[in-house]
Amino acid sequence: MTRPPLEIRISDSAGYCWGVQRALETAQQAADVAQGPIHTLGPLIHNPAVIAGLAEQGIEVIEDASEKQMGTVIIRSHGVAKEALEELASRAVNIVDATCTFVKAAQEKAARLREQGYLVVVLGEPDHPEVLGIRSYAGPDSLVVQGPEDLPNELPRRRIGVVVQTTQSQESLAALTSALSPRVRELLVYNTICSATERRQRAARSMASEVDLVVVVGGKNSANTTRLAELCREVQPRTYHVESPAEILPEWMDGVRSVGVTAGASTPSGQIDRVTARLRELAT
């Protein structure tokens, strides 16, 4: 029996965001003029295939600022801890800053809250490099929470300031502020969620409600891509997060007449194209 034609819908705002595109262009420009070895401090973006491509161009990853004694170092799009920047600045190293402007704004607001005497609460993933960088500006007494359930029973101070990992959702921020408000004397919230992330999440959820299957394309180590998959799965349980077309299984297509495809902010268009080609192949 011939299958009906498969409808494939690509979500609005899928793929590279402005910050990722800027980081890649910054890295390429730095590589074109670099004298000596060139590295990124941590992966420039969270996409293994793209990082492998940069390595082929001679832009390799180091994980510790102490590894870099000379040449050029590019600061990753997620930013780094201020102590790492200070260590690099003390050496004969050319620093190229590719930190996303939204991330940099979150760092600056965390520092401002700390200087004004607030206890800083960072909403985000505790071990994510962006959050670790933000916390270095927020101070060692700052708190990192993924939701209200992570707040301590007794807050150490009554003046609380909040900043947010740029890839978090508005719903998560609303839940945190609602939980904090009755427990503090003063609450100052900086909504540092990236506007591109918000648009991408809203478009993906809308698309997920109208299709039989959702495929989210991007690095498994990408926070914003993983969050997209979580949000789509809330609407359409048949949601899969893949890095490559090879991960797509034929049985996923059983009974499927429409597929929605979205992608994280660090996913190149070619990666999306290869996934959609695989879906069409399986539909024939």
Protein backbone atom coordinates (compact mmCIF):
# COMPACT_ATOMS: atom_id res chain seq x y z
CA MET A 1 0.00 0.00 0.00
CA THR A 2 1.32 3.42 -0.95
CA ARG A 3 1.81 5.78 1.95
CA PRO A 4 0.16 9.20 1.78
CA PRO A 5 2.64 12.02 1.20
CA LEU A 6 4.51 13.03 4.35
CA GLU A 7 4.13 16.63 5.44
CA ILE A 8 7.32 18.05 6.94
CA ARG A 9 7.09 21.36 8.73
CA ILE A 10 10.15 23.34 9.75
CA SER A 11 9.55 25.48 12.80
CA ASP A 12 10.11 29.22 12.64
CA SER A 13 13.40 30.33 14.21
CA ALA A 14 15.01 26.89 13.89
CA GLY A 15 18.81 26.82 13.70
CA TYR A 16 21.53 29.36 14.38
CA CYS A 17 20.66 32.34 16.53
CA TRP A 18 22.41 35.66 16.11
CA GLY A 19 24.76 35.02 19.04
CA VAL A 20 25.97 31.68 17.67
CA GLN A 21 26.39 33.09 14.16
CA ARG A 22 28.38 35.99 15.61
CA ALA A 23 30.59 33.60 17.61
CA LEU A 24 31.38 31.51 14.54
CA GLU A 25 32.13 34.57 12.43
CA THR A 26 34.32 35.97 15.21
CA ALA A 27 36.26 32.71 15.40
CA GLN A 28 36.74 32.58 11.65
CA GLN A 29 37.98 36.17 11.53
CA ALA A 30 40.38 35.47 14.40
CA ALA A 31 41.72 32.38 12.64
CA ASP A 32 42.34 34.36 9.45
CA VAL A 33 44.71 36.77 11.20
CA ALA A 34 46.06 34.68 14.08
CA GLN A 35 49.78 34.52 14.64
CA GLY A 36 50.57 31.24 16.36
CA PRO A 37 48.22 28.64 17.88
CA ILE A 38 44.53 29.44 18.26
CA HIS A 39 42.13 27.80 20.69
CA THR A 40 38.70 28.26 22.19
CA LEU A 41 38.33 28.18 25.97
CA GLY A 42 35.69 25.46 26.14
CA PRO A 43 33.67 24.48 23.05
CA LEU A 44 32.72 27.62 21.13
CA ILE A 45 29.13 26.38 20.83
CA HIS A 46 27.36 23.19 21.91
CA ASN A 47 27.36 21.25 18.66
CA PRO A 48 29.91 18.41 18.34
CA ALA A 49 29.84 18.38 14.53
CA VAL A 50 30.59 22.10 14.31
CA ILE A 51 33.37 21.83 16.89
CA ALA A 52 34.93 19.01 14.86
CA GLY A 53 34.80 21.25 11.79
CA LEU A 54 36.57 24.07 13.65
CA ALA A 55 39.27 21.62 14.76
CA GLU A 56 39.89 20.73 11.12
CA GLN A 57 40.58 24.44 10.54
CA GLY A 58 43.09 24.46 13.39
CA ILE A 59 40.79 25.95 16.06
CA GLU A 60 40.96 23.45 18.87
CA VAL A 61 39.46 23.39 22.36
CA ILE A 62 41.21 23.83 25.69
CA GLU A 63 39.31 23.45 28.94
CA ASP A 64 41.54 25.36 31.34
CA ALA A 65 42.94 28.87 30.99
CA SER A 66 46.22 27.66 32.53
CA GLU A 67 46.83 25.58 29.39
CA LYS A 68 47.25 28.71 27.28
CA GLN A 69 50.64 30.41 27.40
CA MET A 70 50.75 32.13 23.99
CA GLY A 71 48.82 32.67 20.78
CA THR A 72 45.10 33.43 20.56
CA VAL A 73 42.25 32.24 22.75
CA ILE A 74 38.61 32.72 21.82
CA ILE A 75 36.12 33.00 24.66
CA ARG A 76 33.21 30.64 24.05
CA SER A 77 29.71 31.92 23.25
CA HIS A 78 28.51 30.76 26.70
CA GLY A 79 31.12 32.94 28.40
CA VAL A 80 33.65 31.90 31.04
CA ALA A 81 34.30 32.67 34.68
CA LYS A 82 35.84 36.07 35.32
CA GLU A 83 38.80 34.38 37.05
CA ALA A 84 39.64 32.62 33.78
CA LEU A 85 39.58 35.93 31.92
CA GLU A 86 41.83 37.50 34.53
CA GLU A 87 44.30 34.64 34.25
CA LEU A 88 44.44 34.94 30.47
CA ALA A 89 44.84 38.72 30.69
CA SER A 90 47.92 38.26 32.88
CA ARG A 91 49.71 36.42 30.05
CA ALA A 92 50.95 37.19 26.56
CA VAL A 93 47.73 35.90 25.06
CA ASN A 94 45.52 37.57 22.47
CA ILE A 95 41.95 37.32 23.84
CA VAL A 96 39.04 37.33 21.37
CA ASP A 97 35.70 37.56 23.16
CA ALA A 98 32.86 35.69 21.41
CA THR A 99 30.57 35.69 24.47
CA CYS A 100 26.93 36.09 23.45
CA THR A 101 25.71 39.58 24.28
CA PHE A 102 22.73 38.14 26.19
CA VAL A 103 25.09 36.06 28.33
CA LYS A 104 27.32 39.06 28.92
CA ALA A 105 24.28 41.07 30.03
CA ALA A 106 23.41 38.35 32.55
CA GLN A 107 26.98 38.43 33.89
CA GLU A 108 26.88 42.21 34.25
CA LYS A 109 23.52 42.19 36.00
CA ALA A 110 24.68 39.49 38.41
CA ALA A 111 27.71 41.62 39.28
CA ARG A 112 25.50 44.69 39.76
CA LEU A 113 23.16 42.84 42.11
CA ARG A 114 26.08 41.61 44.17
CA GLU A 115 27.56 45.13 44.40
CA GLN A 116 24.18 46.46 45.58
CA GLY A 117 24.05 43.96 48.43
CA TYR A 118 21.55 41.46 47.07
CA LEU A 119 21.88 37.73 47.48
CA VAL A 120 21.95 36.58 43.86
CA VAL A 121 19.79 33.64 42.82
CA VAL A 122 20.65 32.24 39.39
CA LEU A 123 17.89 30.29 37.67
CA GLY A 124 19.60 27.65 35.55
CA GLU A 125 21.46 24.37 35.31
CA PRO A 126 24.12 24.26 38.06
CA ASP A 127 26.85 22.62 35.96
CA HIS A 128 26.23 24.45 32.69
CA PRO A 129 29.21 26.61 31.63
CA GLU A 130 27.02 29.67 31.13
CA VAL A 131 25.70 29.39 34.68
CA LEU A 132 29.17 28.78 36.12
CA GLY A 133 30.33 31.93 34.38
CA ILE A 134 27.38 33.99 35.65
CA ARG A 135 27.92 32.73 39.17
CA SER A 136 31.52 33.91 39.14
CA TYR A 137 30.10 37.44 38.87
CA ALA A 138 27.29 36.79 41.36
CA GLY A 139 29.65 35.83 44.17
CA PRO A 140 30.46 32.64 46.09
CA ASP A 141 27.39 33.01 48.30
CA SER A 142 25.02 33.04 45.31
CA LEU A 143 22.45 30.28 44.84
CA VAL A 144 21.80 28.30 41.66
CA VAL A 145 18.35 26.75 41.38
CA GLN A 146 16.47 24.96 38.63
CA GLY A 147 13.13 25.75 40.20
CA PRO A 148 11.39 26.70 43.48
CA GLU A 149 11.99 23.21 44.83
CA ASP A 150 15.74 23.94 44.99
CA LEU A 151 15.38 26.97 47.26
CA PRO A 152 16.62 26.43 50.84
CA ASN A 153 14.06 26.29 53.64
CA GLU A 154 15.63 29.41 55.14
CA LEU A 155 16.94 32.10 52.80
CA PRO A 156 20.15 33.62 54.22
CA ARG A 157 19.06 37.15 53.28
CA ARG A 158 15.84 39.07 52.75
CA ARG A 159 17.08 41.10 49.77
CA ILE A 160 17.15 38.79 46.75
CA GLY A 161 18.17 39.48 43.17
CA VAL A 162 17.45 37.06 40.34
CA VAL A 163 19.20 36.53 37.02
CA VAL A 164 18.42 33.78 34.53
CA GLN A 165 20.35 31.43 32.28
CA THR A 166 19.53 32.75 28.83
CA THR A 167 17.94 29.51 27.61
CA GLN A 168 15.44 29.08 30.45
CA SER A 169 11.69 29.46 29.88
CA GLN A 170 9.41 32.28 31.00
CA GLU A 171 7.29 29.69 32.84
CA SER A 172 10.28 28.63 34.94
CA LEU A 173 11.07 32.24 35.81
CA ALA A 174 7.45 32.96 36.75
CA ALA A 175 7.36 29.92 39.05
CA LEU A 176 10.55 31.01 40.81
CA THR A 177 9.51 34.62 41.34
CA SER A 178 6.09 33.51 42.63
CA ALA A 179 7.81 31.29 45.19
CA LEU A 180 10.31 33.95 46.26
CA SER A 181 7.98 36.94 46.50
CA PRO A 182 6.21 36.08 49.79
CA ARG A 183 9.48 35.00 51.43
CA VAL A 184 11.57 38.16 50.98
CA ARG A 185 11.53 41.82 51.90
CA GLU A 186 12.89 42.99 48.56
CA LEU A 187 13.01 41.14 45.24
CA LEU A 188 14.72 42.48 42.13
CA VAL A 189 14.41 40.31 39.02
CA TYR A 190 16.41 40.71 35.83
CA ASN A 191 14.77 38.72 33.05
CA THR A 192 17.88 37.75 31.10
CA ILE A 193 16.20 35.10 28.94
CA CYS A 194 17.30 35.51 25.33
CA SER A 195 14.52 36.86 23.11
CA ALA A 196 15.52 34.44 20.33
CA THR A 197 15.17 31.53 22.76
CA GLU A 198 11.71 32.69 23.74
CA ARG A 199 10.58 32.97 20.09
CA ARG A 200 12.06 29.57 19.26
CA GLN A 201 10.33 27.86 22.19
CA ARG A 202 6.97 29.46 21.42
CA ALA A 203 7.14 28.49 17.72
CA ALA A 204 8.22 24.92 18.52
CA ARG A 205 5.40 24.34 20.97
CA SER A 206 2.85 25.69 18.52
CA MET A 207 4.16 23.43 15.77
CA ALA A 208 4.27 20.38 18.08
CA SER A 209 0.54 20.72 18.74
CA GLU A 210 -0.22 20.32 15.04
CA VAL A 211 1.92 17.33 13.95
CA ASP A 212 2.14 13.58 14.61
CA LEU A 213 5.86 13.53 15.37
CA VAL A 214 8.51 16.06 16.33
CA VAL A 215 12.24 15.81 15.65
CA VAL A 216 14.50 18.25 17.48
CA VAL A 217 17.93 18.61 15.88
CA GLY A 218 21.06 19.64 17.74
CA GLY A 219 23.80 18.74 20.18
CA LYS A 220 22.87 16.52 23.09
CA ASN A 221 25.08 18.80 25.20
CA SER A 222 23.10 21.88 24.16
CA ALA A 223 20.90 23.27 26.93
CA ASN A 224 18.61 25.21 24.62
CA THR A 225 18.15 22.21 22.28
CA THR A 226 17.41 19.87 25.18
CA ARG A 227 14.91 22.37 26.55
CA LEU A 228 13.21 22.57 23.14
CA ALA A 229 12.79 18.79 23.17
CA GLU A 230 11.33 18.91 26.68
CA LEU A 231 8.82 21.60 25.75
CA CYS A 232 7.77 19.83 22.55
CA ARG A 233 7.39 16.53 24.41
CA GLU A 234 4.93 18.18 26.80
CA VAL A 235 2.71 18.89 23.79
CA GLN A 236 3.56 15.96 21.52
CA PRO A 237 4.89 12.85 23.35
CA ARG A 238 6.34 11.50 20.11
CA THR A 239 9.27 13.90 20.24
CA TYR A 240 12.86 12.82 19.57
CA HIS A 241 16.12 14.71 20.03
CA VAL A 242 18.78 13.75 17.47
CA GLU A 243 22.21 14.98 16.47
CA SER A 244 22.36 13.17 13.13
CA PRO A 245 20.03 11.51 10.58
CA ALA A 246 21.46 8.11 11.50
CA GLU A 247 19.63 8.25 14.82
CA ILE A 248 16.20 8.38 13.18
CA LEU A 249 14.59 4.92 13.31
CA PRO A 250 12.11 3.68 10.68
CA GLU A 251 9.59 2.62 13.33
CA TRP A 252 9.20 6.24 14.41
CA MET A 253 7.29 6.81 11.18
CA ASP A 254 4.53 4.27 11.85
CA GLY A 255 1.19 6.00 11.41
CA VAL A 256 2.86 9.38 10.92
CA ARG A 257 1.49 11.75 8.28
CA SER A 258 3.07 14.97 9.52
CA VAL A 259 6.44 15.68 11.11
CA GLY A 260 7.59 18.88 12.73
CA VAL A 261 11.30 19.71 12.75
CA THR A 262 12.91 22.28 14.99
CA ALA A 263 16.51 22.88 15.97
CA GLY A 264 18.58 24.46 18.68
CA ALA A 265 20.39 27.76 18.39
CA SER A 266 23.72 26.00 17.71
CA THR A 267 22.43 23.79 14.88
CA PRO A 268 23.61 24.64 11.34
CA SER A 269 21.13 24.58 8.45
CA GLY A 270 22.97 21.70 6.78
CA GLN A 271 22.31 19.49 9.78
CA ILE A 272 18.60 20.31 9.60
CA ASP A 273 18.57 19.59 5.85
CA ARG A 274 20.14 16.16 6.34
CA VAL A 275 17.55 15.24 8.96
CA THR A 276 14.64 16.29 6.74
CA ALA A 277 16.14 14.32 3.83
CA ARG A 278 16.26 11.22 6.04
CA LEU A 279 12.63 11.70 7.06
CA ARG A 280 11.56 11.93 3.41
CA GLU A 281 13.57 8.81 2.62
CA LEU A 282 11.82 6.85 5.35
CA ALA A 283 8.43 8.07 4.19
CA THR A 284 8.79 6.56 0.70
